[in-house]
């Protein structure tokens, strides 16, 4: 996922979710529905040919045939006929059982398609409602869980944090499923590492306001895991923001309250050293964001903001100059993350 789509940006970040996720997943669901329907059609034809059902009316036979004949050529009509059949003839029996199984399966897969449509349109309230229905039937449906996690991330990027808790729970659940080894379908991601890297990013993003230090751990873990998220500038801009919120701001305020306007001492030098150490981490993270953004027009506005923050912190550590900054940015990505 080399680019996070059209980011619904917060003031200090850029980028967003790749828009191809919903489209590819929707095509996969359509194919699975076709495959699921074929056995039902074959079974119904076998039952109709070989069983000895109770006598049925001409109207009942015609309605059953309307359902059966449309299974492969027009599933919407088949669904309409199947619902009509079950409403008129709900009695136990092979015919009703075949229709009921197919209608149930069709509605289950249709909910998944509807879910993906809502995701693409970012209709978040309805998306979470339908997603809950899907998971009520299939609690470990990984695609739905991952998409709900990303939906919360996207909603938060638009300033709506009302889905944050649910999305965070879904993201953590997805990590457990992937780590358990039970998951084998990584779509929309390339593989297990790609999925885990992105999920750690999402969890970090959803926790950065309440626990920036935990977000630092999660963002760094996303880098360690790898996958395409490792090459996105947004990850490093958010890591820088987490460093600032969780480490720099508290240390800077403490230093100012205890040592501002006083003579330098061994104690104040040690405290300043801690501040400087965090500033170096912030510089490194923002430099990676700026470097990876490059000349990509999608990141143009965000890159300007990141560059301003990078310059501010770099000057703090280099006697109010930018000497060496350009060379530092050019080579930073080749280096491992500093500890």
C-alpha atoms as a PDB file:
ATOM      1  CA  UNK A   1       0.000   0.000   0.000  1.00  0.00           C
ATOM      2  CA  UNK A   2       2.486   2.639  -1.146  1.00  0.00           C
ATOM      3  CA  UNK A   3       0.178   5.611  -0.642  1.00  0.00           C
ATOM      4  CA  UNK A   4      -2.638   6.032   1.834  1.00  0.00           C
ATOM      5  CA  UNK A   5      -5.061   7.400  -0.777  1.00  0.00           C
ATOM      6  CA  UNK A   6      -6.515  10.863  -0.393  1.00  0.00           C
ATOM      7  CA  UNK A   7      -5.769  11.571   3.237  1.00  0.00           C
ATOM      8  CA  UNK A   8      -8.453  13.311   5.223  1.00  0.00           C
ATOM      9  CA  UNK A   9      -5.609  15.162   6.809  1.00  0.00           C
ATOM     10  CA  UNK A  10      -5.077  16.219  10.332  1.00  0.00           C
ATOM     11  CA  UNK A  11      -3.087  19.422  10.715  1.00  0.00           C
ATOM     12  CA  UNK A  12       0.248  17.598  11.141  1.00  0.00           C
ATOM     13  CA  UNK A  13       0.000  14.709   8.724  1.00  0.00           C
ATOM     14  CA  UNK A  14      -0.574  13.755   5.076  1.00  0.00           C
ATOM     15  CA  UNK A  15      -1.589  10.758   2.969  1.00  0.00           C
ATOM     16  CA  UNK A  16      -4.367   8.140   3.440  1.00  0.00           C
ATOM     17  CA  UNK A  17      -5.771   4.750   2.558  1.00  0.00           C
ATOM     18  CA  UNK A  18      -5.232   3.297  -0.892  1.00  0.00           C
ATOM     19  CA  UNK A  19      -8.518   3.585  -2.841  1.00  0.00           C
ATOM     20  CA  UNK A  20      -8.065   0.258  -4.653  1.00  0.00           C
ATOM     21  CA  UNK A  21      -8.850  -1.800  -1.536  1.00  0.00           C
ATOM     22  CA  UNK A  22     -12.634  -1.738  -1.866  1.00  0.00           C
ATOM     23  CA  UNK A  23     -12.628  -2.346  -5.592  1.00  0.00           C
ATOM     24  CA  UNK A  24     -10.412  -5.427  -5.468  1.00  0.00           C
ATOM     25  CA  UNK A  25     -12.183  -6.867  -2.466  1.00  0.00           C
ATOM     26  CA  UNK A  26     -15.596  -6.311  -4.095  1.00  0.00           C
ATOM     27  CA  UNK A  27     -14.517  -8.250  -7.171  1.00  0.00           C
ATOM     28  CA  UNK A  28     -13.315 -11.068  -4.929  1.00  0.00           C
ATOM     29  CA  UNK A  29     -16.683 -11.214  -3.141  1.00  0.00           C
ATOM     30  CA  UNK A  30     -18.563 -11.336  -6.459  1.00  0.00           C
ATOM     31  CA  UNK A  31     -16.459 -14.291  -7.574  1.00  0.00           C
ATOM     32  CA  UNK A  32     -17.007 -16.088  -4.272  1.00  0.00           C
ATOM     33  CA  UNK A  33     -20.768 -15.557  -4.562  1.00  0.00           C
ATOM     34  CA  UNK A  34     -20.810 -17.104  -8.042  1.00  0.00           C
ATOM     35  CA  UNK A  35     -18.833 -20.078  -6.750  1.00  0.00           C
ATOM     36  CA  UNK A  36     -21.134 -20.413  -3.753  1.00  0.00           C
ATOM     37  CA  UNK A  37     -24.278 -20.315  -5.884  1.00  0.00           C
ATOM     38  CA  UNK A  38     -23.245 -23.015  -8.320  1.00  0.00           C
ATOM     39  CA  UNK A  39     -23.474 -25.942  -5.849  1.00  0.00           C
ATOM     40  CA  UNK A  40     -26.881 -24.713  -4.662  1.00  0.00           C
ATOM     41  CA  UNK A  41     -28.176 -24.679  -8.221  1.00  0.00           C
ATOM     42  CA  UNK A  42     -26.853 -28.173  -8.883  1.00  0.00           C
ATOM     43  CA  UNK A  43     -28.352 -29.497  -5.683  1.00  0.00           C
ATOM     44  CA  UNK A  44     -31.751 -27.998  -6.425  1.00  0.00           C
ATOM     45  CA  UNK A  45     -31.778 -29.495  -9.920  1.00  0.00           C
ATOM     46  CA  UNK A  46     -30.873 -32.916  -8.499  1.00  0.00           C
ATOM     47  CA  UNK A  47     -33.618 -32.705  -5.910  1.00  0.00           C
ATOM     48  CA  UNK A  48     -36.157 -31.657  -8.497  1.00  0.00           C
ATOM     49  CA  UNK A  49     -35.217 -34.555 -10.769  1.00  0.00           C
ATOM     50  CA  UNK A  50     -34.759 -37.395  -8.281  1.00  0.00           C
ATOM     51  CA  UNK A  51     -36.891 -36.780  -5.176  1.00  0.00           C
ATOM     52  CA  UNK A  52     -40.528 -37.636  -4.663  1.00  0.00           C
ATOM     53  CA  UNK A  53     -41.903 -34.432  -3.106  1.00  0.00           C
ATOM     54  CA  UNK A  54     -45.445 -33.985  -1.914  1.00  0.00           C
ATOM     55  CA  UNK A  55     -47.913 -32.812  -4.535  1.00  0.00           C
ATOM     56  CA  UNK A  56     -47.499 -29.103  -5.217  1.00  0.00           C
ATOM     57  CA  UNK A  57     -49.634 -26.602  -7.039  1.00  0.00           C
ATOM     58  CA  UNK A  58     -48.859 -25.265 -10.480  1.00  0.00           C
ATOM     59  CA  UNK A  59     -48.230 -21.803  -8.986  1.00  0.00           C
ATOM     60  CA  UNK A  60     -45.757 -23.231  -6.484  1.00  0.00           C
ATOM     61  CA  UNK A  61     -43.906 -25.164  -9.195  1.00  0.00           C
ATOM     62  CA  UNK A  62     -43.694 -22.088 -11.402  1.00  0.00           C
ATOM     63  CA  UNK A  63     -42.343 -19.928  -8.579  1.00  0.00           C
ATOM     64  CA  UNK A  64     -39.769 -22.576  -7.678  1.00  0.00           C
ATOM     65  CA  UNK A  65     -38.694 -22.792 -11.329  1.00  0.00           C
ATOM     66  CA  UNK A  66     -38.434 -19.005 -11.515  1.00  0.00           C
ATOM     67  CA  UNK A  67     -35.986 -19.137  -8.612  1.00  0.00           C
ATOM     68  CA  UNK A  68     -34.030 -22.100  -9.970  1.00  0.00           C
ATOM     69  CA  UNK A  69     -33.671 -20.872 -13.547  1.00  0.00           C
ATOM     70  CA  UNK A  70     -32.363 -17.446 -12.488  1.00  0.00           C
ATOM     71  CA  UNK A  71     -29.654 -18.630 -10.085  1.00  0.00           C
ATOM     72  CA  UNK A  72     -26.927 -18.353 -12.691  1.00  0.00           C
ATOM     73  CA  UNK A  73     -28.335 -15.786 -15.112  1.00  0.00           C
ATOM     74  CA  UNK A  74     -29.944 -13.182 -12.826  1.00  0.00           C
ATOM     75  CA  UNK A  75     -29.311 -13.575  -9.101  1.00  0.00           C
ATOM     76  CA  UNK A  76     -31.333 -10.518  -8.139  1.00  0.00           C
ATOM     77  CA  UNK A  77     -34.415 -12.068  -9.735  1.00  0.00           C
ATOM     78  CA  UNK A  78     -33.539 -15.414  -8.157  1.00  0.00           C
ATOM     79  CA  UNK A  79     -33.353 -13.745  -4.758  1.00  0.00           C
ATOM     80  CA  UNK A  80     -36.685 -12.014  -5.300  1.00  0.00           C
ATOM     81  CA  UNK A  81     -38.298 -15.303  -6.359  1.00  0.00           C
ATOM     82  CA  UNK A  82     -36.668 -17.180  -3.478  1.00  0.00           C
ATOM     83  CA  UNK A  83     -37.933 -14.723  -0.885  1.00  0.00           C
ATOM     84  CA  UNK A  84     -41.373 -14.855  -2.459  1.00  0.00           C
ATOM     85  CA  UNK A  85     -41.315 -18.667  -2.431  1.00  0.00           C
ATOM     86  CA  UNK A  86     -40.322 -18.877   1.254  1.00  0.00           C
ATOM     87  CA  UNK A  87     -42.989 -16.327   2.160  1.00  0.00           C
ATOM     88  CA  UNK A  88     -45.728 -18.357   0.446  1.00  0.00           C
ATOM     89  CA  UNK A  89     -44.469 -21.900   1.031  1.00  0.00           C
ATOM     90  CA  UNK A  90     -42.354 -21.984   4.206  1.00  0.00           C
ATOM     91  CA  UNK A  91     -43.284 -25.589   5.067  1.00  0.00           C
ATOM     92  CA  UNK A  92     -40.411 -28.052   5.715  1.00  0.00           C
ATOM     93  CA  UNK A  93     -39.264 -30.016   2.711  1.00  0.00           C
ATOM     94  CA  UNK A  94     -36.456 -30.342   0.232  1.00  0.00           C
ATOM     95  CA  UNK A  95     -37.646 -27.575  -2.071  1.00  0.00           C
ATOM     96  CA  UNK A  96     -37.976 -24.980   0.707  1.00  0.00           C
ATOM     97  CA  UNK A  97     -34.673 -26.139   2.239  1.00  0.00           C
ATOM     98  CA  UNK A  98     -32.793 -25.618  -1.040  1.00  0.00           C
ATOM     99  CA  UNK A  99     -34.321 -22.192  -1.537  1.00  0.00           C
ATOM    100  CA  UNK A 100     -33.683 -21.157   2.066  1.00  0.00           C
ATOM    101  CA  UNK A 101     -30.013 -22.178   1.951  1.00  0.00           C
ATOM    102  CA  UNK A 102     -29.449 -20.247  -1.261  1.00  0.00           C
ATOM    103  CA  UNK A 103     -31.314 -17.136  -0.103  1.00  0.00           C
ATOM    104  CA  UNK A 104     -29.385 -17.104   3.182  1.00  0.00           C
ATOM    105  CA  UNK A 105     -26.053 -17.414   1.359  1.00  0.00           C
ATOM    106  CA  UNK A 106     -27.013 -14.762  -1.187  1.00  0.00           C
ATOM    107  CA  UNK A 107     -28.003 -12.269   1.508  1.00  0.00           C
ATOM    108  CA  UNK A 108     -24.808 -12.956   3.447  1.00  0.00           C
ATOM    109  CA  UNK A 109     -22.634 -12.248   0.402  1.00  0.00           C
ATOM    110  CA  UNK A 110     -24.788  -9.267  -0.586  1.00  0.00           C
ATOM    111  CA  UNK A 111     -24.124  -7.710   2.814  1.00  0.00           C
ATOM    112  CA  UNK A 112     -20.404  -7.999   2.131  1.00  0.00           C
ATOM    113  CA  UNK A 113     -20.821  -6.247  -1.206  1.00  0.00           C
ATOM    114  CA  UNK A 114     -22.937  -3.558   0.429  1.00  0.00           C
ATOM    115  CA  UNK A 115     -20.275  -3.183   3.111  1.00  0.00           C
ATOM    116  CA  UNK A 116     -17.586  -2.573   0.475  1.00  0.00           C
ATOM    117  CA  UNK A 117     -19.811  -0.058  -1.311  1.00  0.00           C
ATOM    118  CA  UNK A 118     -20.281   1.843   1.944  1.00  0.00           C
ATOM    119  CA  UNK A 119     -16.554   1.704   2.611  1.00  0.00           C
ATOM    120  CA  UNK A 120     -15.767   3.169  -0.798  1.00  0.00           C
ATOM    121  CA  UNK A 121     -18.291   5.953  -0.183  1.00  0.00           C
ATOM    122  CA  UNK A 122     -17.014   6.469   3.385  1.00  0.00           C
ATOM    123  CA  UNK A 123     -20.533   6.257   4.775  1.00  0.00           C
ATOM    124  CA  UNK A 124     -19.233   5.443   8.214  1.00  0.00           C
ATOM    125  CA  UNK A 125     -22.360   5.020  10.408  1.00  0.00           C
ATOM    126  CA  UNK A 126     -24.031   2.670   7.942  1.00  0.00           C
ATOM    127  CA  UNK A 127     -20.720   0.933   7.270  1.00  0.00           C
ATOM    128  CA  UNK A 128     -20.259  -0.012  10.918  1.00  0.00           C
ATOM    129  CA  UNK A 129     -23.875  -1.182  11.149  1.00  0.00           C
ATOM    130  CA  UNK A 130     -23.533  -3.512   8.165  1.00  0.00           C
ATOM    131  CA  UNK A 131     -20.074  -4.584   9.300  1.00  0.00           C
ATOM    132  CA  UNK A 132     -21.504  -5.669  12.638  1.00  0.00           C
ATOM    133  CA  UNK A 133     -24.064  -7.789  10.773  1.00  0.00           C
ATOM    134  CA  UNK A 134     -21.339  -9.472   8.720  1.00  0.00           C
ATOM    135  CA  UNK A 135     -19.290 -10.239  11.820  1.00  0.00           C
ATOM    136  CA  UNK A 136     -22.332 -11.547  13.690  1.00  0.00           C
ATOM    137  CA  UNK A 137     -22.480 -14.304  11.050  1.00  0.00           C
ATOM    138  CA  UNK A 138     -18.718 -14.673  10.503  1.00  0.00           C
ATOM    139  CA  UNK A 139     -16.867 -13.383  13.595  1.00  0.00           C
ATOM    140  CA  UNK A 140     -13.423 -13.985  12.087  1.00  0.00           C
ATOM    141  CA  UNK A 141     -14.017 -12.528   8.618  1.00  0.00           C
ATOM    142  CA  UNK A 142     -10.646 -10.794   8.379  1.00  0.00           C
ATOM    143  CA  UNK A 143     -11.422  -8.531   5.404  1.00  0.00           C
ATOM    144  CA  UNK A 144     -14.364  -6.987   7.219  1.00  0.00           C
ATOM    145  CA  UNK A 145     -12.392  -6.562  10.443  1.00  0.00           C
ATOM    146  CA  UNK A 146      -9.515  -4.841   8.632  1.00  0.00           C
ATOM    147  CA  UNK A 147     -11.819  -2.547   6.666  1.00  0.00           C
ATOM    148  CA  UNK A 148     -13.626  -1.506   9.855  1.00  0.00           C
ATOM    149  CA  UNK A 149     -10.269  -0.678  11.429  1.00  0.00           C
ATOM    150  CA  UNK A 150      -9.355   1.500   8.454  1.00  0.00           C
ATOM    151  CA  UNK A 151     -12.792   3.085   8.414  1.00  0.00           C
ATOM    152  CA  UNK A 152     -12.223   4.345  11.943  1.00  0.00           C
ATOM    153  CA  UNK A 153      -8.827   5.683  10.899  1.00  0.00           C
ATOM    154  CA  UNK A 154     -10.331   7.497   7.903  1.00  0.00           C
ATOM    155  CA  UNK A 155     -13.202   8.891   9.964  1.00  0.00           C
ATOM    156  CA  UNK A 156     -10.739  10.219  12.549  1.00  0.00           C
ATOM    157  CA  UNK A 157      -8.815  11.878   9.714  1.00  0.00           C
ATOM    158  CA  UNK A 158     -12.025  13.756   8.892  1.00  0.00           C
ATOM    159  CA  UNK A 159     -12.401  14.849  12.494  1.00  0.00           C
ATOM    160  CA  UNK A 160     -14.935  12.195  13.506  1.00  0.00           C
ATOM    161  CA  UNK A 161     -13.550  10.190  16.437  1.00  0.00           C
ATOM    162  CA  UNK A 162     -16.849   8.483  17.276  1.00  0.00           C
ATOM    163  CA  UNK A 163     -15.728   5.204  15.681  1.00  0.00           C
ATOM    164  CA  UNK A 164     -12.256   5.253  17.197  1.00  0.00           C
ATOM    165  CA  UNK A 165     -12.877   2.750  20.000  1.00  0.00           C
ATOM    166  CA  UNK A 166     -14.601   0.260  17.707  1.00  0.00           C
ATOM    167  CA  UNK A 167     -11.932   0.635  15.027  1.00  0.00           C
ATOM    168  CA  UNK A 168      -9.173   0.169  17.582  1.00  0.00           C
ATOM    169  CA  UNK A 169     -10.782  -3.051  18.833  1.00  0.00           C
ATOM    170  CA  UNK A 170     -11.112  -4.300  15.253  1.00  0.00           C
ATOM    171  CA  UNK A 171      -7.478  -3.478  14.452  1.00  0.00           C
ATOM    172  CA  UNK A 172      -6.240  -5.331  17.525  1.00  0.00           C
ATOM    173  CA  UNK A 173      -8.511  -8.255  16.694  1.00  0.00           C
ATOM    174  CA  UNK A 174      -7.084  -8.365  13.177  1.00  0.00           C
ATOM    175  CA  UNK A 175      -3.534  -8.497  14.537  1.00  0.00           C
ATOM    176  CA  UNK A 176      -4.475 -11.420  16.781  1.00  0.00           C
ATOM    177  CA  UNK A 177      -6.045 -13.281  13.863  1.00  0.00           C
ATOM    178  CA  UNK A 178      -3.021 -12.712  11.643  1.00  0.00           C
ATOM    179  CA  UNK A 179      -0.585 -13.655  14.409  1.00  0.00           C
ATOM    180  CA  UNK A 180      -2.551 -16.792  15.252  1.00  0.00           C
ATOM    181  CA  UNK A 181      -1.761 -18.306  11.882  1.00  0.00           C
ATOM    182  CA  UNK A 182      -5.455 -18.957  11.170  1.00  0.00           C
ATOM    183  CA  UNK A 183      -5.658 -16.216   8.570  1.00  0.00           C
ATOM    184  CA  UNK A 184      -4.461 -17.053   5.073  1.00  0.00           C
ATOM    185  CA  UNK A 185      -6.123 -14.411   2.916  1.00  0.00           C
ATOM    186  CA  UNK A 186      -4.226 -11.142   3.269  1.00  0.00           C
ATOM    187  CA  UNK A 187      -6.286  -9.057   0.847  1.00  0.00           C
ATOM    188  CA  UNK A 188      -6.074  -6.171   0.361  1.00  0.00           C
ATOM    189  CA  UNK A 189      -2.457  -6.646   1.469  1.00  0.00           C
ATOM    190  CA  UNK A 190       0.291  -8.539  -0.290  1.00  0.00           C
ATOM    191  CA  UNK A 191       1.228 -10.884   2.544  1.00  0.00           C
ATOM    192  CA  UNK A 192       1.297 -11.374   6.312  1.00  0.00           C
ATOM    193  CA  UNK A 193       4.023  -8.773   6.936  1.00  0.00           C
ATOM    194  CA  UNK A 194       2.259  -6.183   4.813  1.00  0.00           C
ATOM    195  CA  UNK A 195      -0.962  -6.698   6.782  1.00  0.00           C
ATOM    196  CA  UNK A 196       0.761  -6.535  10.171  1.00  0.00           C
ATOM    197  CA  UNK A 197       2.760  -3.438   9.270  1.00  0.00           C
ATOM    198  CA  UNK A 198      -0.340  -1.506   8.243  1.00  0.00           C
ATOM    199  CA  UNK A 199      -2.369  -2.706  11.210  1.00  0.00           C
ATOM    200  CA  UNK A 200       0.306  -1.534  13.655  1.00  0.00           C
ATOM    201  CA  UNK A 201       0.279   1.839  11.925  1.00  0.00           C
ATOM    202  CA  UNK A 202      -3.503   2.090  12.292  1.00  0.00           C
ATOM    203  CA  UNK A 203      -3.431   1.100  15.976  1.00  0.00           C
ATOM    204  CA  UNK A 204      -0.706   3.671  16.582  1.00  0.00           C
ATOM    205  CA  UNK A 205      -2.692   6.350  14.797  1.00  0.00           C
ATOM    206  CA  UNK A 206      -5.801   5.566  16.842  1.00  0.00           C
ATOM    207  CA  UNK A 207      -3.876   5.724  20.141  1.00  0.00           C
ATOM    208  CA  UNK A 208      -1.527   8.662  19.538  1.00  0.00           C
ATOM    209  CA  UNK A 209      -3.826  11.181  21.242  1.00  0.00           C
ATOM    210  CA  UNK A 210      -4.378   9.161  24.402  1.00  0.00           C
ATOM    211  CA  UNK A 211      -1.050   7.326  24.680  1.00  0.00           C
ATOM    212  CA  UNK A 212       1.648   8.856  22.455  1.00  0.00           C
ATOM    213  CA  UNK A 213       4.384   6.711  23.979  1.00  0.00           C
ATOM    214  CA  UNK A 214       2.494   3.548  23.026  1.00  0.00           C
ATOM    215  CA  UNK A 215       1.997   5.052  19.575  1.00  0.00           C
ATOM    216  CA  UNK A 216       5.774   5.489  19.299  1.00  0.00           C
ATOM    217  CA  UNK A 217       6.214   1.773  20.015  1.00  0.00           C
ATOM    218  CA  UNK A 218       3.570   0.815  17.464  1.00  0.00           C
ATOM    219  CA  UNK A 219       4.918   3.064  14.708  1.00  0.00           C
ATOM    220  CA  UNK A 220       8.433   1.755  15.269  1.00  0.00           C
ATOM    221  CA  UNK A 221       7.094  -1.798  15.228  1.00  0.00           C
ATOM    222  CA  UNK A 222       5.414  -1.089  11.891  1.00  0.00           C
ATOM    223  CA  UNK A 223       8.810  -0.075  10.510  1.00  0.00           C
ATOM    224  CA  UNK A 224      10.429  -3.226  11.907  1.00  0.00           C
ATOM    225  CA  UNK A 225       7.776  -5.511  10.433  1.00  0.00           C
ATOM    226  CA  UNK A 226       8.128  -3.970   6.997  1.00  0.00           C
ATOM    227  CA  UNK A 227       5.692  -4.222   4.142  1.00  0.00           C
ATOM    228  CA  UNK A 228       4.717  -1.301   1.960  1.00  0.00           C
ATOM    229  CA  UNK A 229       3.831   0.926   4.916  1.00  0.00           C
ATOM    230  CA  UNK A 230       7.547   1.170   5.733  1.00  0.00           C
ATOM    231  CA  UNK A 231       8.030   3.279   2.606  1.00  0.00           C
ATOM    232  CA  UNK A 232       5.227   5.767   3.277  1.00  0.00           C
ATOM    233  CA  UNK A 233       6.151   9.255   4.527  1.00  0.00           C
ATOM    234  CA  UNK A 234       2.993   9.448   6.648  1.00  0.00           C
ATOM    235  CA  UNK A 235       4.275   6.770   9.018  1.00  0.00           C
ATOM    236  CA  UNK A 236       7.361   8.829   9.878  1.00  0.00           C
ATOM    237  CA  UNK A 237       5.482  12.117  10.191  1.00  0.00           C
ATOM    238  CA  UNK A 238       3.195  10.454  12.724  1.00  0.00           C
ATOM    239  CA  UNK A 239       6.191   8.943  14.517  1.00  0.00           C
ATOM    240  CA  UNK A 240       7.656  12.452  14.788  1.00  0.00           C
ATOM    241  CA  UNK A 241       4.355  13.791  16.145  1.00  0.00           C
ATOM    242  CA  UNK A 242       4.264  10.988  18.728  1.00  0.00           C
ATOM    243  CA  UNK A 243       7.840  11.777  19.814  1.00  0.00           C
ATOM    244  CA  UNK A 244       6.854  15.420  20.285  1.00  0.00           C
ATOM    245  CA  UNK A 245       3.647  14.718  22.220  1.00  0.00           C
ATOM    246  CA  UNK A 246       4.951  11.848  24.345  1.00  0.00           C
ATOM    247  CA  UNK A 247       8.536  12.891  25.024  1.00  0.00           C
ATOM    248  CA  UNK A 248       9.614  16.334  23.852  1.00  0.00           C
ATOM    249  CA  UNK A 249       6.717  18.376  25.225  1.00  0.00           C
ATOM    250  CA  UNK A 250       6.869  16.923  28.775  1.00  0.00           C
ATOM    251  CA  UNK A 251      10.682  17.157  28.949  1.00  0.00           C
ATOM    252  CA  UNK A 252      10.752  20.676  27.518  1.00  0.00           C
ATOM    253  CA  UNK A 253       8.109  21.940  29.948  1.00  0.00           C
ATOM    254  CA  UNK A 254       9.895  20.324  32.865  1.00  0.00           C
ATOM    255  CA  UNK A 255      13.207  21.868  31.813  1.00  0.00           C
ATOM    256  CA  UNK A 256      11.676  25.325  31.488  1.00  0.00           C
ATOM    257  CA  UNK A 257       9.960  25.150  34.869  1.00  0.00           C
ATOM    258  CA  UNK A 258      13.067  23.927  36.706  1.00  0.00           C
ATOM    259  CA  UNK A 259      16.033  25.557  34.969  1.00  0.00           C
ATOM    260  CA  UNK A 260      14.916  28.541  32.879  1.00  0.00           C
ATOM    261  CA  UNK A 261      16.735  31.743  33.933  1.00  0.00           C
ATOM    262  CA  UNK A 262      19.097  29.885  36.284  1.00  0.00           C
ATOM    263  CA  UNK A 263      22.805  29.269  36.070  1.00  0.00           C
ATOM    264  CA  UNK A 264      23.867  26.133  34.278  1.00  0.00           C
ATOM    265  CA  UNK A 265      24.536  23.127  36.479  1.00  0.00           C
ATOM    266  CA  UNK A 266      25.363  19.462  36.071  1.00  0.00           C
ATOM    267  CA  UNK A 267      21.737  18.688  36.706  1.00  0.00           C
ATOM    268  CA  UNK A 268      20.464  21.154  34.093  1.00  0.00           C
ATOM    269  CA  UNK A 269      23.000  19.874  31.554  1.00  0.00           C
ATOM    270  CA  UNK A 270      21.754  16.311  32.099  1.00  0.00           C
ATOM    271  CA  UNK A 271      18.146  17.447  31.686  1.00  0.00           C
ATOM    272  CA  UNK A 272      19.012  19.346  28.497  1.00  0.00           C
ATOM    273  CA  UNK A 273      20.788  16.257  27.212  1.00  0.00           C
ATOM    274  CA  UNK A 274      17.548  14.297  27.504  1.00  0.00           C
ATOM    275  CA  UNK A 275      15.685  17.005  25.600  1.00  0.00           C
ATOM    276  CA  UNK A 276      18.337  17.019  22.887  1.00  0.00           C
ATOM    277  CA  UNK A 277      18.160  13.240  22.556  1.00  0.00           C
ATOM    278  CA  UNK A 278      14.448  13.414  21.822  1.00  0.00           C
ATOM    279  CA  UNK A 279      14.938  16.325  19.419  1.00  0.00           C
ATOM    280  CA  UNK A 280      17.370  14.147  17.449  1.00  0.00           C
ATOM    281  CA  UNK A 281      14.677  11.468  17.134  1.00  0.00           C
ATOM    282  CA  UNK A 282      12.147  14.052  15.945  1.00  0.00           C
ATOM    283  CA  UNK A 283      14.615  15.370  13.366  1.00  0.00           C
ATOM    284  CA  UNK A 284      15.282  11.858  12.085  1.00  0.00           C
ATOM    285  CA  UNK A 285      11.575  11.042  11.727  1.00  0.00           C
ATOM    286  CA  UNK A 286      10.648  14.285   9.963  1.00  0.00           C
ATOM    287  CA  UNK A 287      13.672  13.960   7.675  1.00  0.00           C
ATOM    288  CA  UNK A 288      12.445  10.492   6.616  1.00  0.00           C
ATOM    289  CA  UNK A 289       8.964  11.853   5.922  1.00  0.00           C
ATOM    290  CA  UNK A 290      10.365  14.701   3.799  1.00  0.00           C
ATOM    291  CA  UNK A 291      12.763  12.397   1.950  1.00  0.00           C
ATOM    292  CA  UNK A 292      10.136   9.754   1.153  1.00  0.00           C
ATOM    293  CA  UNK A 293       7.600  12.378   0.061  1.00  0.00           C
ATOM    294  CA  UNK A 294      10.072  13.670  -2.543  1.00  0.00           C
ATOM    295  CA  UNK A 295       8.373  15.517  -5.369  1.00  0.00           C
ATOM    296  CA  UNK A 296       5.146  13.506  -5.167  1.00  0.00           C
ATOM    297  CA  UNK A 297       2.351  15.998  -5.725  1.00  0.00           C
ATOM    298  CA  UNK A 298       0.047  14.044  -3.401  1.00  0.00           C
ATOM    299  CA  UNK A 299       2.250  15.008  -0.473  1.00  0.00           C
ATOM    300  CA  UNK A 300       3.077  18.572  -1.540  1.00  0.00           C
ATOM    301  CA  UNK A 301       1.180  20.390   1.229  1.00  0.00           C
ATOM    302  CA  UNK A 302       2.140  17.909   3.918  1.00  0.00           C
ATOM    303  CA  UNK A 303       5.795  17.971   2.851  1.00  0.00           C
ATOM    304  CA  UNK A 304       5.898  21.748   3.343  1.00  0.00           C
ATOM    305  CA  UNK A 305       4.597  21.365   6.894  1.00  0.00           C
ATOM    306  CA  UNK A 306       7.011  18.550   7.659  1.00  0.00           C
ATOM    307  CA  UNK A 307       9.897  20.617   6.271  1.00  0.00           C
ATOM    308  CA  UNK A 308       8.969  23.545   8.500  1.00  0.00           C
ATOM    309  CA  UNK A 309       8.930  21.329  11.589  1.00  0.00           C
ATOM    310  CA  UNK A 310      12.168  19.641  10.550  1.00  0.00           C
ATOM    311  CA  UNK A 311      13.884  22.993  10.065  1.00  0.00           C
ATOM    312  CA  UNK A 312      12.684  24.283  13.429  1.00  0.00           C
ATOM    313  CA  UNK A 313      14.004  21.294  15.362  1.00  0.00           C
ATOM    314  CA  UNK A 314      17.193  21.062  13.295  1.00  0.00           C
ATOM    315  CA  UNK A 315      18.069  24.707  14.042  1.00  0.00           C
ATOM    316  CA  UNK A 316      17.503  24.050  17.744  1.00  0.00           C
ATOM    317  CA  UNK A 317      20.285  21.445  17.631  1.00  0.00           C
ATOM    318  CA  UNK A 318      22.626  23.233  15.198  1.00  0.00           C
ATOM    319  CA  UNK A 319      23.089  26.752  16.531  1.00  0.00           C
ATOM    320  CA  UNK A 320      20.143  28.169  14.630  1.00  0.00           C
ATOM    321  CA  UNK A 321      21.525  27.122  11.230  1.00  0.00           C
ATOM    322  CA  UNK A 322      20.506  24.578   8.594  1.00  0.00           C
ATOM    323  CA  UNK A 323      24.081  23.636   7.707  1.00  0.00           C
ATOM    324  CA  UNK A 324      24.146  19.974   6.657  1.00  0.00           C
ATOM    325  CA  UNK A 325      20.386  19.567   6.658  1.00  0.00           C
ATOM    326  CA  UNK A 326      20.025  18.884   2.939  1.00  0.00           C
ATOM    327  CA  UNK A 327      22.677  16.162   3.041  1.00  0.00           C
ATOM    328  CA  UNK A 328      21.093  14.654   6.153  1.00  0.00           C
ATOM    329  CA  UNK A 329      17.694  14.373   4.439  1.00  0.00           C
ATOM    330  CA  UNK A 330      19.274  12.852   1.339  1.00  0.00           C
ATOM    331  CA  UNK A 331      20.895  10.021   3.289  1.00  0.00           C
ATOM    332  CA  UNK A 332      18.525   9.387   6.186  1.00  0.00           C
ATOM    333  CA  UNK A 333      16.394   6.653   4.612  1.00  0.00           C
ATOM    334  CA  UNK A 334      19.444   4.423   4.111  1.00  0.00           C
ATOM    335  CA  UNK A 335      20.089   4.421   7.865  1.00  0.00           C
ATOM    336  CA  UNK A 336      18.267   2.326  10.482  1.00  0.00           C
ATOM    337  CA  UNK A 337      15.912   4.065  12.897  1.00  0.00           C
ATOM    338  CA  UNK A 338      17.896   5.473  15.825  1.00  0.00           C
ATOM    339  CA  UNK A 339      17.218   3.914  19.204  1.00  0.00           C
END
